[in-house]
């Protein structure tokens, strides 16, 4: 919810994987 508007174009599954990887790291 705090990402810039351009991330609204990213597919949900790809966004989910990217954020989850960041949180784990």
PDBML (XML) file of the C-alpha atoms, coordinates in Angstrom:
<?xml version="1.0" encoding="UTF-8" ?>
<PDBx:datablock datablockName="MODEL"
   xmlns:PDBx="http://pdbml.pdb.org/schema/pdbx-v50.xsd"
   xmlns:xsi="http://www.w3.org/2001/XMLSchema-instance"
   xsi:schemaLocation="http://pdbml.pdb.org/schema/pdbx-v50.xsd pdbx-v50.xsd">
   <PDBx:atom_siteCategory>
      <PDBx:atom_site id="1">
         <PDBx:B_iso_or_equiv>0.00</PDBx:B_iso_or_equiv>
         <PDBx:Cartn_x>0.000</PDBx:Cartn_x>
         <PDBx:Cartn_y>0.000</PDBx:Cartn_y>
         <PDBx:Cartn_z>0.000</PDBx:Cartn_z>
         <PDBx:auth_asym_id>A</PDBx:auth_asym_id>
         <PDBx:auth_atom_id>CA</PDBx:auth_atom_id>
         <PDBx:auth_comp_id>UNK</PDBx:auth_comp_id>
         <PDBx:auth_seq_id>1</PDBx:auth_seq_id>
         <PDBx:group_PDB>ATOM</PDBx:group_PDB>
         <PDBx:label_alt_id xsi:nil="true" />
         <PDBx:label_asym_id>A</PDBx:label_asym_id>
         <PDBx:label_atom_id>CA</PDBx:label_atom_id>
         <PDBx:label_comp_id>UNK</PDBx:label_comp_id>
         <PDBx:label_entity_id>1</PDBx:label_entity_id>
         <PDBx:label_seq_id>1</PDBx:label_seq_id>
         <PDBx:occupancy>1.00</PDBx:occupancy>
         <PDBx:pdbx_PDB_model_num>1</PDBx:pdbx_PDB_model_num>
         <PDBx:type_symbol>C</PDBx:type_symbol>
      </PDBx:atom_site>
      <PDBx:atom_site id="2">
         <PDBx:B_iso_or_equiv>0.00</PDBx:B_iso_or_equiv>
         <PDBx:Cartn_x>3.012</PDBx:Cartn_x>
         <PDBx:Cartn_y>2.283</PDBx:Cartn_y>
         <PDBx:Cartn_z>0.373</PDBx:Cartn_z>
         <PDBx:auth_asym_id>A</PDBx:auth_asym_id>
         <PDBx:auth_atom_id>CA</PDBx:auth_atom_id>
         <PDBx:auth_comp_id>UNK</PDBx:auth_comp_id>
         <PDBx:auth_seq_id>2</PDBx:auth_seq_id>
         <PDBx:group_PDB>ATOM</PDBx:group_PDB>
         <PDBx:label_alt_id xsi:nil="true" />
         <PDBx:label_asym_id>A</PDBx:label_asym_id>
         <PDBx:label_atom_id>CA</PDBx:label_atom_id>
         <PDBx:label_comp_id>UNK</PDBx:label_comp_id>
         <PDBx:label_entity_id>1</PDBx:label_entity_id>
         <PDBx:label_seq_id>2</PDBx:label_seq_id>
         <PDBx:occupancy>1.00</PDBx:occupancy>
         <PDBx:pdbx_PDB_model_num>1</PDBx:pdbx_PDB_model_num>
         <PDBx:type_symbol>C</PDBx:type_symbol>
      </PDBx:atom_site>
      <PDBx:atom_site id="3">
         <PDBx:B_iso_or_equiv>0.00</PDBx:B_iso_or_equiv>
         <PDBx:Cartn_x>4.586</PDBx:Cartn_x>
         <PDBx:Cartn_y>1.570</PDBx:Cartn_y>
         <PDBx:Cartn_z>-2.999</PDBx:Cartn_z>
         <PDBx:auth_asym_id>A</PDBx:auth_asym_id>
         <PDBx:auth_atom_id>CA</PDBx:auth_atom_id>
         <PDBx:auth_comp_id>UNK</PDBx:auth_comp_id>
         <PDBx:auth_seq_id>3</PDBx:auth_seq_id>
         <PDBx:group_PDB>ATOM</PDBx:group_PDB>
         <PDBx:label_alt_id xsi:nil="true" />
         <PDBx:label_asym_id>A</PDBx:label_asym_id>
         <PDBx:label_atom_id>CA</PDBx:label_atom_id>
         <PDBx:label_comp_id>UNK</PDBx:label_comp_id>
         <PDBx:label_entity_id>1</PDBx:label_entity_id>
         <PDBx:label_seq_id>3</PDBx:label_seq_id>
         <PDBx:occupancy>1.00</PDBx:occupancy>
         <PDBx:pdbx_PDB_model_num>1</PDBx:pdbx_PDB_model_num>
         <PDBx:type_symbol>C</PDBx:type_symbol>
      </PDBx:atom_site>
      <PDBx:atom_site id="4">
         <PDBx:B_iso_or_equiv>0.00</PDBx:B_iso_or_equiv>
         <PDBx:Cartn_x>4.555</PDBx:Cartn_x>
         <PDBx:Cartn_y>4.233</PDBx:Cartn_y>
         <PDBx:Cartn_z>-5.752</PDBx:Cartn_z>
         <PDBx:auth_asym_id>A</PDBx:auth_asym_id>
         <PDBx:auth_atom_id>CA</PDBx:auth_atom_id>
         <PDBx:auth_comp_id>UNK</PDBx:auth_comp_id>
         <PDBx:auth_seq_id>4</PDBx:auth_seq_id>
         <PDBx:group_PDB>ATOM</PDBx:group_PDB>
         <PDBx:label_alt_id xsi:nil="true" />
         <PDBx:label_asym_id>A</PDBx:label_asym_id>
         <PDBx:label_atom_id>CA</PDBx:label_atom_id>
         <PDBx:label_comp_id>UNK</PDBx:label_comp_id>
         <PDBx:label_entity_id>1</PDBx:label_entity_id>
         <PDBx:label_seq_id>4</PDBx:label_seq_id>
         <PDBx:occupancy>1.00</PDBx:occupancy>
         <PDBx:pdbx_PDB_model_num>1</PDBx:pdbx_PDB_model_num>
         <PDBx:type_symbol>C</PDBx:type_symbol>
      </PDBx:atom_site>
      <PDBx:atom_site id="5">
         <PDBx:B_iso_or_equiv>0.00</PDBx:B_iso_or_equiv>
         <PDBx:Cartn_x>1.587</PDBx:Cartn_x>
         <PDBx:Cartn_y>4.179</PDBx:Cartn_y>
         <PDBx:Cartn_z>-8.183</PDBx:Cartn_z>
         <PDBx:auth_asym_id>A</PDBx:auth_asym_id>
         <PDBx:auth_atom_id>CA</PDBx:auth_atom_id>
         <PDBx:auth_comp_id>UNK</PDBx:auth_comp_id>
         <PDBx:auth_seq_id>5</PDBx:auth_seq_id>
         <PDBx:group_PDB>ATOM</PDBx:group_PDB>
         <PDBx:label_alt_id xsi:nil="true" />
         <PDBx:label_asym_id>A</PDBx:label_asym_id>
         <PDBx:label_atom_id>CA</PDBx:label_atom_id>
         <PDBx:label_comp_id>UNK</PDBx:label_comp_id>
         <PDBx:label_entity_id>1</PDBx:label_entity_id>
         <PDBx:label_seq_id>5</PDBx:label_seq_id>
         <PDBx:occupancy>1.00</PDBx:occupancy>
         <PDBx:pdbx_PDB_model_num>1</PDBx:pdbx_PDB_model_num>
         <PDBx:type_symbol>C</PDBx:type_symbol>
      </PDBx:atom_site>
      <PDBx:atom_site id="6">
         <PDBx:B_iso_or_equiv>0.00</PDBx:B_iso_or_equiv>
         <PDBx:Cartn_x>3.610</PDBx:Cartn_x>
         <PDBx:Cartn_y>2.537</PDBx:Cartn_y>
         <PDBx:Cartn_z>-10.985</PDBx:Cartn_z>
         <PDBx:auth_asym_id>A</PDBx:auth_asym_id>
         <PDBx:auth_atom_id>CA</PDBx:auth_atom_id>
         <PDBx:auth_comp_id>UNK</PDBx:auth_comp_id>
         <PDBx:auth_seq_id>6</PDBx:auth_seq_id>
         <PDBx:group_PDB>ATOM</PDBx:group_PDB>
         <PDBx:label_alt_id xsi:nil="true" />
         <PDBx:label_asym_id>A</PDBx:label_asym_id>
         <PDBx:label_atom_id>CA</PDBx:label_atom_id>
         <PDBx:label_comp_id>UNK</PDBx:label_comp_id>
         <PDBx:label_entity_id>1</PDBx:label_entity_id>
         <PDBx:label_seq_id>6</PDBx:label_seq_id>
         <PDBx:occupancy>1.00</PDBx:occupancy>
         <PDBx:pdbx_PDB_model_num>1</PDBx:pdbx_PDB_model_num>
         <PDBx:type_symbol>C</PDBx:type_symbol>
      </PDBx:atom_site>
      <PDBx:atom_site id="7">
         <PDBx:B_iso_or_equiv>0.00</PDBx:B_iso_or_equiv>
         <PDBx:Cartn_x>3.611</PDBx:Cartn_x>
         <PDBx:Cartn_y>-0.702</PDBx:Cartn_y>
         <PDBx:Cartn_z>-9.004</PDBx:Cartn_z>
         <PDBx:auth_asym_id>A</PDBx:auth_asym_id>
         <PDBx:auth_atom_id>CA</PDBx:auth_atom_id>
         <PDBx:auth_comp_id>UNK</PDBx:auth_comp_id>
         <PDBx:auth_seq_id>7</PDBx:auth_seq_id>
         <PDBx:group_PDB>ATOM</PDBx:group_PDB>
         <PDBx:label_alt_id xsi:nil="true" />
         <PDBx:label_asym_id>A</PDBx:label_asym_id>
         <PDBx:label_atom_id>CA</PDBx:label_atom_id>
         <PDBx:label_comp_id>UNK</PDBx:label_comp_id>
         <PDBx:label_entity_id>1</PDBx:label_entity_id>
         <PDBx:label_seq_id>7</PDBx:label_seq_id>
         <PDBx:occupancy>1.00</PDBx:occupancy>
         <PDBx:pdbx_PDB_model_num>1</PDBx:pdbx_PDB_model_num>
         <PDBx:type_symbol>C</PDBx:type_symbol>
      </PDBx:atom_site>
      <PDBx:atom_site id="8">
         <PDBx:B_iso_or_equiv>0.00</PDBx:B_iso_or_equiv>
         <PDBx:Cartn_x>-0.155</PDBx:Cartn_x>
         <PDBx:Cartn_y>-0.932</PDBx:Cartn_y>
         <PDBx:Cartn_z>-9.578</PDBx:Cartn_z>
         <PDBx:auth_asym_id>A</PDBx:auth_asym_id>
         <PDBx:auth_atom_id>CA</PDBx:auth_atom_id>
         <PDBx:auth_comp_id>UNK</PDBx:auth_comp_id>
         <PDBx:auth_seq_id>8</PDBx:auth_seq_id>
         <PDBx:group_PDB>ATOM</PDBx:group_PDB>
         <PDBx:label_alt_id xsi:nil="true" />
         <PDBx:label_asym_id>A</PDBx:label_asym_id>
         <PDBx:label_atom_id>CA</PDBx:label_atom_id>
         <PDBx:label_comp_id>UNK</PDBx:label_comp_id>
         <PDBx:label_entity_id>1</PDBx:label_entity_id>
         <PDBx:label_seq_id>8</PDBx:label_seq_id>
         <PDBx:occupancy>1.00</PDBx:occupancy>
         <PDBx:pdbx_PDB_model_num>1</PDBx:pdbx_PDB_model_num>
         <PDBx:type_symbol>C</PDBx:type_symbol>
      </PDBx:atom_site>
      <PDBx:atom_site id="9">
         <PDBx:B_iso_or_equiv>0.00</PDBx:B_iso_or_equiv>
         <PDBx:Cartn_x>0.709</PDBx:Cartn_x>
         <PDBx:Cartn_y>-2.276</PDBx:Cartn_y>
         <PDBx:Cartn_z>-13.035</PDBx:Cartn_z>
         <PDBx:auth_asym_id>A</PDBx:auth_asym_id>
         <PDBx:auth_atom_id>CA</PDBx:auth_atom_id>
         <PDBx:auth_comp_id>UNK</PDBx:auth_comp_id>
         <PDBx:auth_seq_id>9</PDBx:auth_seq_id>
         <PDBx:group_PDB>ATOM</PDBx:group_PDB>
         <PDBx:label_alt_id xsi:nil="true" />
         <PDBx:label_asym_id>A</PDBx:label_asym_id>
         <PDBx:label_atom_id>CA</PDBx:label_atom_id>
         <PDBx:label_comp_id>UNK</PDBx:label_comp_id>
         <PDBx:label_entity_id>1</PDBx:label_entity_id>
         <PDBx:label_seq_id>9</PDBx:label_seq_id>
         <PDBx:occupancy>1.00</PDBx:occupancy>
         <PDBx:pdbx_PDB_model_num>1</PDBx:pdbx_PDB_model_num>
         <PDBx:type_symbol>C</PDBx:type_symbol>
      </PDBx:atom_site>
      <PDBx:atom_site id="10">
         <PDBx:B_iso_or_equiv>0.00</PDBx:B_iso_or_equiv>
         <PDBx:Cartn_x>2.623</PDBx:Cartn_x>
         <PDBx:Cartn_y>-5.244</PDBx:Cartn_y>
         <PDBx:Cartn_z>-11.619</PDBx:Cartn_z>
         <PDBx:auth_asym_id>A</PDBx:auth_asym_id>
         <PDBx:auth_atom_id>CA</PDBx:auth_atom_id>
         <PDBx:auth_comp_id>UNK</PDBx:auth_comp_id>
         <PDBx:auth_seq_id>10</PDBx:auth_seq_id>
         <PDBx:group_PDB>ATOM</PDBx:group_PDB>
         <PDBx:label_alt_id xsi:nil="true" />
         <PDBx:label_asym_id>A</PDBx:label_asym_id>
         <PDBx:label_atom_id>CA</PDBx:label_atom_id>
         <PDBx:label_comp_id>UNK</PDBx:label_comp_id>
         <PDBx:label_entity_id>1</PDBx:label_entity_id>
         <PDBx:label_seq_id>10</PDBx:label_seq_id>
         <PDBx:occupancy>1.00</PDBx:occupancy>
         <PDBx:pdbx_PDB_model_num>1</PDBx:pdbx_PDB_model_num>
         <PDBx:type_symbol>C</PDBx:type_symbol>
      </PDBx:atom_site>
      <PDBx:atom_site id="11">
         <PDBx:B_iso_or_equiv>0.00</PDBx:B_iso_or_equiv>
         <PDBx:Cartn_x>0.792</PDBx:Cartn_x>
         <PDBx:Cartn_y>-8.565</PDBx:Cartn_y>
         <PDBx:Cartn_z>-11.654</PDBx:Cartn_z>
         <PDBx:auth_asym_id>A</PDBx:auth_asym_id>
         <PDBx:auth_atom_id>CA</PDBx:auth_atom_id>
         <PDBx:auth_comp_id>UNK</PDBx:auth_comp_id>
         <PDBx:auth_seq_id>11</PDBx:auth_seq_id>
         <PDBx:group_PDB>ATOM</PDBx:group_PDB>
         <PDBx:label_alt_id xsi:nil="true" />
         <PDBx:label_asym_id>A</PDBx:label_asym_id>
         <PDBx:label_atom_id>CA</PDBx:label_atom_id>
         <PDBx:label_comp_id>UNK</PDBx:label_comp_id>
         <PDBx:label_entity_id>1</PDBx:label_entity_id>
         <PDBx:label_seq_id>11</PDBx:label_seq_id>
         <PDBx:occupancy>1.00</PDBx:occupancy>
         <PDBx:pdbx_PDB_model_num>1</PDBx:pdbx_PDB_model_num>
         <PDBx:type_symbol>C</PDBx:type_symbol>
      </PDBx:atom_site>
      <PDBx:atom_site id="12">
         <PDBx:B_iso_or_equiv>0.00</PDBx:B_iso_or_equiv>
         <PDBx:Cartn_x>-0.366</PDBx:Cartn_x>
         <PDBx:Cartn_y>-9.548</PDBx:Cartn_y>
         <PDBx:Cartn_z>-8.126</PDBx:Cartn_z>
         <PDBx:auth_asym_id>A</PDBx:auth_asym_id>
         <PDBx:auth_atom_id>CA</PDBx:auth_atom_id>
         <PDBx:auth_comp_id>UNK</PDBx:auth_comp_id>
         <PDBx:auth_seq_id>12</PDBx:auth_seq_id>
         <PDBx:group_PDB>ATOM</PDBx:group_PDB>
         <PDBx:label_alt_id xsi:nil="true" />
         <PDBx:label_asym_id>A</PDBx:label_asym_id>
         <PDBx:label_atom_id>CA</PDBx:label_atom_id>
         <PDBx:label_comp_id>UNK</PDBx:label_comp_id>
         <PDBx:label_entity_id>1</PDBx:label_entity_id>
         <PDBx:label_seq_id>12</PDBx:label_seq_id>
         <PDBx:occupancy>1.00</PDBx:occupancy>
         <PDBx:pdbx_PDB_model_num>1</PDBx:pdbx_PDB_model_num>
         <PDBx:type_symbol>C</PDBx:type_symbol>
      </PDBx:atom_site>
      <PDBx:atom_site id="13">
         <PDBx:B_iso_or_equiv>0.00</PDBx:B_iso_or_equiv>
         <PDBx:Cartn_x>1.567</PDBx:Cartn_x>
         <PDBx:Cartn_y>-12.831</PDBx:Cartn_y>
         <PDBx:Cartn_z>-8.054</PDBx:Cartn_z>
         <PDBx:auth_asym_id>A</PDBx:auth_asym_id>
         <PDBx:auth_atom_id>CA</PDBx:auth_atom_id>
         <PDBx:auth_comp_id>UNK</PDBx:auth_comp_id>
         <PDBx:auth_seq_id>13</PDBx:auth_seq_id>
         <PDBx:group_PDB>ATOM</PDBx:group_PDB>
         <PDBx:label_alt_id xsi:nil="true" />
         <PDBx:label_asym_id>A</PDBx:label_asym_id>
         <PDBx:label_atom_id>CA</PDBx:label_atom_id>
         <PDBx:label_comp_id>UNK</PDBx:label_comp_id>
         <PDBx:label_entity_id>1</PDBx:label_entity_id>
         <PDBx:label_seq_id>13</PDBx:label_seq_id>
         <PDBx:occupancy>1.00</PDBx:occupancy>
         <PDBx:pdbx_PDB_model_num>1</PDBx:pdbx_PDB_model_num>
         <PDBx:type_symbol>C</PDBx:type_symbol>
      </PDBx:atom_site>
      <PDBx:atom_site id="14">
         <PDBx:B_iso_or_equiv>0.00</PDBx:B_iso_or_equiv>
         <PDBx:Cartn_x>4.807</PDBx:Cartn_x>
         <PDBx:Cartn_y>-11.144</PDBx:Cartn_y>
         <PDBx:Cartn_z>-9.115</PDBx:Cartn_z>
         <PDBx:auth_asym_id>A</PDBx:auth_asym_id>
         <PDBx:auth_atom_id>CA</PDBx:auth_atom_id>
         <PDBx:auth_comp_id>UNK</PDBx:auth_comp_id>
         <PDBx:auth_seq_id>14</PDBx:auth_seq_id>
         <PDBx:group_PDB>ATOM</PDBx:group_PDB>
         <PDBx:label_alt_id xsi:nil="true" />
         <PDBx:label_asym_id>A</PDBx:label_asym_id>
         <PDBx:label_atom_id>CA</PDBx:label_atom_id>
         <PDBx:label_comp_id>UNK</PDBx:label_comp_id>
         <PDBx:label_entity_id>1</PDBx:label_entity_id>
         <PDBx:label_seq_id>14</PDBx:label_seq_id>
         <PDBx:occupancy>1.00</PDBx:occupancy>
         <PDBx:pdbx_PDB_model_num>1</PDBx:pdbx_PDB_model_num>
         <PDBx:type_symbol>C</PDBx:type_symbol>
      </PDBx:atom_site>
      <PDBx:atom_site id="15">
         <PDBx:B_iso_or_equiv>0.00</PDBx:B_iso_or_equiv>
         <PDBx:Cartn_x>4.294</PDBx:Cartn_x>
         <PDBx:Cartn_y>-8.313</PDBx:Cartn_y>
         <PDBx:Cartn_z>-6.608</PDBx:Cartn_z>
         <PDBx:auth_asym_id>A</PDBx:auth_asym_id>
         <PDBx:auth_atom_id>CA</PDBx:auth_atom_id>
         <PDBx:auth_comp_id>UNK</PDBx:auth_comp_id>
         <PDBx:auth_seq_id>15</PDBx:auth_seq_id>
         <PDBx:group_PDB>ATOM</PDBx:group_PDB>
         <PDBx:label_alt_id xsi:nil="true" />
         <PDBx:label_asym_id>A</PDBx:label_asym_id>
         <PDBx:label_atom_id>CA</PDBx:label_atom_id>
         <PDBx:label_comp_id>UNK</PDBx:label_comp_id>
         <PDBx:label_entity_id>1</PDBx:label_entity_id>
         <PDBx:label_seq_id>15</PDBx:label_seq_id>
         <PDBx:occupancy>1.00</PDBx:occupancy>
         <PDBx:pdbx_PDB_model_num>1</PDBx:pdbx_PDB_model_num>
         <PDBx:type_symbol>C</PDBx:type_symbol>
      </PDBx:atom_site>
      <PDBx:atom_site id="16">
         <PDBx:B_iso_or_equiv>0.00</PDBx:B_iso_or_equiv>
         <PDBx:Cartn_x>3.508</PDBx:Cartn_x>
         <PDBx:Cartn_y>-10.836</PDBx:Cartn_y>
         <PDBx:Cartn_z>-3.874</PDBx:Cartn_z>
         <PDBx:auth_asym_id>A</PDBx:auth_asym_id>
         <PDBx:auth_atom_id>CA</PDBx:auth_atom_id>
         <PDBx:auth_comp_id>UNK</PDBx:auth_comp_id>
         <PDBx:auth_seq_id>16</PDBx:auth_seq_id>
         <PDBx:group_PDB>ATOM</PDBx:group_PDB>
         <PDBx:label_alt_id xsi:nil="true" />
         <PDBx:label_asym_id>A</PDBx:label_asym_id>
         <PDBx:label_atom_id>CA</PDBx:label_atom_id>
         <PDBx:label_comp_id>UNK</PDBx:label_comp_id>
         <PDBx:label_entity_id>1</PDBx:label_entity_id>
         <PDBx:label_seq_id>16</PDBx:label_seq_id>
         <PDBx:occupancy>1.00</PDBx:occupancy>
         <PDBx:pdbx_PDB_model_num>1</PDBx:pdbx_PDB_model_num>
         <PDBx:type_symbol>C</PDBx:type_symbol>
      </PDBx:atom_site>
      <PDBx:atom_site id="17">
         <PDBx:B_iso_or_equiv>0.00</PDBx:B_iso_or_equiv>
         <PDBx:Cartn_x>6.670</PDBx:Cartn_x>
         <PDBx:Cartn_y>-12.832</PDBx:Cartn_y>
         <PDBx:Cartn_z>-4.538</PDBx:Cartn_z>
         <PDBx:auth_asym_id>A</PDBx:auth_asym_id>
         <PDBx:auth_atom_id>CA</PDBx:auth_atom_id>
         <PDBx:auth_comp_id>UNK</PDBx:auth_comp_id>
         <PDBx:auth_seq_id>17</PDBx:auth_seq_id>
         <PDBx:group_PDB>ATOM</PDBx:group_PDB>
         <PDBx:label_alt_id xsi:nil="true" />
         <PDBx:label_asym_id>A</PDBx:label_asym_id>
         <PDBx:label_atom_id>CA</PDBx:label_atom_id>
         <PDBx:label_comp_id>UNK</PDBx:label_comp_id>
         <PDBx:label_entity_id>1</PDBx:label_entity_id>
         <PDBx:label_seq_id>17</PDBx:label_seq_id>
         <PDBx:occupancy>1.00</PDBx:occupancy>
         <PDBx:pdbx_PDB_model_num>1</PDBx:pdbx_PDB_model_num>
         <PDBx:type_symbol>C</PDBx:type_symbol>
      </PDBx:atom_site>
      <PDBx:atom_site id="18">
         <PDBx:B_iso_or_equiv>0.00</PDBx:B_iso_or_equiv>
         <PDBx:Cartn_x>8.849</PDBx:Cartn_x>
         <PDBx:Cartn_y>-9.727</PDBx:Cartn_y>
         <PDBx:Cartn_z>-4.667</PDBx:Cartn_z>
         <PDBx:auth_asym_id>A</PDBx:auth_asym_id>
         <PDBx:auth_atom_id>CA</PDBx:auth_atom_id>
         <PDBx:auth_comp_id>UNK</PDBx:auth_comp_id>
         <PDBx:auth_seq_id>18</PDBx:auth_seq_id>
         <PDBx:group_PDB>ATOM</PDBx:group_PDB>
         <PDBx:label_alt_id xsi:nil="true" />
         <PDBx:label_asym_id>A</PDBx:label_asym_id>
         <PDBx:label_atom_id>CA</PDBx:label_atom_id>
         <PDBx:label_comp_id>UNK</PDBx:label_comp_id>
         <PDBx:label_entity_id>1</PDBx:label_entity_id>
         <PDBx:label_seq_id>18</PDBx:label_seq_id>
         <PDBx:occupancy>1.00</PDBx:occupancy>
         <PDBx:pdbx_PDB_model_num>1</PDBx:pdbx_PDB_model_num>
         <PDBx:type_symbol>C</PDBx:type_symbol>
      </PDBx:atom_site>
      <PDBx:atom_site id="19">
         <PDBx:B_iso_or_equiv>0.00</PDBx:B_iso_or_equiv>
         <PDBx:Cartn_x>7.534</PDBx:Cartn_x>
         <PDBx:Cartn_y>-8.279</PDBx:Cartn_y>
         <PDBx:Cartn_z>-1.413</PDBx:Cartn_z>
         <PDBx:auth_asym_id>A</PDBx:auth_asym_id>
         <PDBx:auth_atom_id>CA</PDBx:auth_atom_id>
         <PDBx:auth_comp_id>UNK</PDBx:auth_comp_id>
         <PDBx:auth_seq_id>19</PDBx:auth_seq_id>
         <PDBx:group_PDB>ATOM</PDBx:group_PDB>
         <PDBx:label_alt_id xsi:nil="true" />
         <PDBx:label_asym_id>A</PDBx:label_asym_id>
         <PDBx:label_atom_id>CA</PDBx:label_atom_id>
         <PDBx:label_comp_id>UNK</PDBx:label_comp_id>
         <PDBx:label_entity_id>1</PDBx:label_entity_id>
         <PDBx:label_seq_id>19</PDBx:label_seq_id>
         <PDBx:occupancy>1.00</PDBx:occupancy>
         <PDBx:pdbx_PDB_model_num>1</PDBx:pdbx_PDB_model_num>
         <PDBx:type_symbol>C</PDBx:type_symbol>
      </PDBx:atom_site>
      <PDBx:atom_site id="20">
         <PDBx:B_iso_or_equiv>0.00</PDBx:B_iso_or_equiv>
         <PDBx:Cartn_x>7.647</PDBx:Cartn_x>
         <PDBx:Cartn_y>-11.612</PDBx:Cartn_y>
         <PDBx:Cartn_z>0.414</PDBx:Cartn_z>
         <PDBx:auth_asym_id>A</PDBx:auth_asym_id>
         <PDBx:auth_atom_id>CA</PDBx:auth_atom_id>
         <PDBx:auth_comp_id>UNK</PDBx:auth_comp_id>
         <PDBx:auth_seq_id>20</PDBx:auth_seq_id>
         <PDBx:group_PDB>ATOM</PDBx:group_PDB>
         <PDBx:label_alt_id xsi:nil="true" />
         <PDBx:label_asym_id>A</PDBx:label_asym_id>
         <PDBx:label_atom_id>CA</PDBx:label_atom_id>
         <PDBx:label_comp_id>UNK</PDBx:label_comp_id>
         <PDBx:label_entity_id>1</PDBx:label_entity_id>
         <PDBx:label_seq_id>20</PDBx:label_seq_id>
         <PDBx:occupancy>1.00</PDBx:occupancy>
         <PDBx:pdbx_PDB_model_num>1</PDBx:pdbx_PDB_model_num>
         <PDBx:type_symbol>C</PDBx:type_symbol>
      </PDBx:atom_site>
      <PDBx:atom_site id="21">
         <PDBx:B_iso_or_equiv>0.00</PDBx:B_iso_or_equiv>
         <PDBx:Cartn_x>11.264</PDBx:Cartn_x>
         <PDBx:Cartn_y>-12.133</PDBx:Cartn_y>
         <PDBx:Cartn_z>-0.649</PDBx:Cartn_z>
         <PDBx:auth_asym_id>A</PDBx:auth_asym_id>
         <PDBx:auth_atom_id>CA</PDBx:auth_atom_id>
         <PDBx:auth_comp_id>UNK</PDBx:auth_comp_id>
         <PDBx:auth_seq_id>21</PDBx:auth_seq_id>
         <PDBx:group_PDB>ATOM</PDBx:group_PDB>
         <PDBx:label_alt_id xsi:nil="true" />
         <PDBx:label_asym_id>A</PDBx:label_asym_id>
         <PDBx:label_atom_id>CA</PDBx:label_atom_id>
         <PDBx:label_comp_id>UNK</PDBx:label_comp_id>
         <PDBx:label_entity_id>1</PDBx:label_entity_id>
         <PDBx:label_seq_id>21</PDBx:label_seq_id>
         <PDBx:occupancy>1.00</PDBx:occupancy>
         <PDBx:pdbx_PDB_model_num>1</PDBx:pdbx_PDB_model_num>
         <PDBx:type_symbol>C</PDBx:type_symbol>
      </PDBx:atom_site>
      <PDBx:atom_site id="22">
         <PDBx:B_iso_or_equiv>0.00</PDBx:B_iso_or_equiv>
         <PDBx:Cartn_x>12.110</PDBx:Cartn_x>
         <PDBx:Cartn_y>-8.668</PDBx:Cartn_y>
         <PDBx:Cartn_z>0.660</PDBx:Cartn_z>
         <PDBx:auth_asym_id>A</PDBx:auth_asym_id>
         <PDBx:auth_atom_id>CA</PDBx:auth_atom_id>
         <PDBx:auth_comp_id>UNK</PDBx:auth_comp_id>
         <PDBx:auth_seq_id>22</PDBx:auth_seq_id>
         <PDBx:group_PDB>ATOM</PDBx:group_PDB>
         <PDBx:label_alt_id xsi:nil="true" />
         <PDBx:label_asym_id>A</PDBx:label_asym_id>
         <PDBx:label_atom_id>CA</PDBx:label_atom_id>
         <PDBx:label_comp_id>UNK</PDBx:label_comp_id>
         <PDBx:label_entity_id>1</PDBx:label_entity_id>
         <PDBx:label_seq_id>22</PDBx:label_seq_id>
         <PDBx:occupancy>1.00</PDBx:occupancy>
         <PDBx:pdbx_PDB_model_num>1</PDBx:pdbx_PDB_model_num>
         <PDBx:type_symbol>C</PDBx:type_symbol>
      </PDBx:atom_site>
      <PDBx:atom_site id="23">
         <PDBx:B_iso_or_equiv>0.00</PDBx:B_iso_or_equiv>
         <PDBx:Cartn_x>10.411</PDBx:Cartn_x>
         <PDBx:Cartn_y>-9.265</PDBx:Cartn_y>
         <PDBx:Cartn_z>4.008</PDBx:Cartn_z>
         <PDBx:auth_asym_id>A</PDBx:auth_asym_id>
         <PDBx:auth_atom_id>CA</PDBx:auth_atom_id>
         <PDBx:auth_comp_id>UNK</PDBx:auth_comp_id>
         <PDBx:auth_seq_id>23</PDBx:auth_seq_id>
         <PDBx:group_PDB>ATOM</PDBx:group_PDB>
         <PDBx:label_alt_id xsi:nil="true" />
         <PDBx:label_asym_id>A</PDBx:label_asym_id>
         <PDBx:label_atom_id>CA</PDBx:label_atom_id>
         <PDBx:label_comp_id>UNK</PDBx:label_comp_id>
         <PDBx:label_entity_id>1</PDBx:label_entity_id>
         <PDBx:label_seq_id>23</PDBx:label_seq_id>
         <PDBx:occupancy>1.00</PDBx:occupancy>
         <PDBx:pdbx_PDB_model_num>1</PDBx:pdbx_PDB_model_num>
         <PDBx:type_symbol>C</PDBx:type_symbol>
      </PDBx:atom_site>
      <PDBx:atom_site id="24">
         <PDBx:B_iso_or_equiv>0.00</PDBx:B_iso_or_equiv>
         <PDBx:Cartn_x>12.184</PDBx:Cartn_x>
         <PDBx:Cartn_y>-12.595</PDBx:Cartn_y>
         <PDBx:Cartn_z>4.456</PDBx:Cartn_z>
         <PDBx:auth_asym_id>A</PDBx:auth_asym_id>
         <PDBx:auth_atom_id>CA</PDBx:auth_atom_id>
         <PDBx:auth_comp_id>UNK</PDBx:auth_comp_id>
         <PDBx:auth_seq_id>24</PDBx:auth_seq_id>
         <PDBx:group_PDB>ATOM</PDBx:group_PDB>
         <PDBx:label_alt_id xsi:nil="true" />
         <PDBx:label_asym_id>A</PDBx:label_asym_id>
         <PDBx:label_atom_id>CA</PDBx:label_atom_id>
         <PDBx:label_comp_id>UNK</PDBx:label_comp_id>
         <PDBx:label_entity_id>1</PDBx:label_entity_id>
         <PDBx:label_seq_id>24</PDBx:label_seq_id>
         <PDBx:occupancy>1.00</PDBx:occupancy>
         <PDBx:pdbx_PDB_model_num>1</PDBx:pdbx_PDB_model_num>
         <PDBx:type_symbol>C</PDBx:type_symbol>
      </PDBx:atom_site>
      <PDBx:atom_site id="25">
         <PDBx:B_iso_or_equiv>0.00</PDBx:B_iso_or_equiv>
         <PDBx:Cartn_x>15.558</PDBx:Cartn_x>
         <PDBx:Cartn_y>-11.065</PDBx:Cartn_y>
         <PDBx:Cartn_z>3.631</PDBx:Cartn_z>
         <PDBx:auth_asym_id>A</PDBx:auth_asym_id>
         <PDBx:auth_atom_id>CA</PDBx:auth_atom_id>
         <PDBx:auth_comp_id>UNK</PDBx:auth_comp_id>
         <PDBx:auth_seq_id>25</PDBx:auth_seq_id>
         <PDBx:group_PDB>ATOM</PDBx:group_PDB>
         <PDBx:label_alt_id xsi:nil="true" />
         <PDBx:label_asym_id>A</PDBx:label_asym_id>
         <PDBx:label_atom_id>CA</PDBx:label_atom_id>
         <PDBx:label_comp_id>UNK</PDBx:label_comp_id>
         <PDBx:label_entity_id>1</PDBx:label_entity_id>
         <PDBx:label_seq_id>25</PDBx:label_seq_id>
         <PDBx:occupancy>1.00</PDBx:occupancy>
         <PDBx:pdbx_PDB_model_num>1</PDBx:pdbx_PDB_model_num>
         <PDBx:type_symbol>C</PDBx:type_symbol>
      </PDBx:atom_site>
   </PDBx:atom_siteCategory>
</PDBx:datablock>
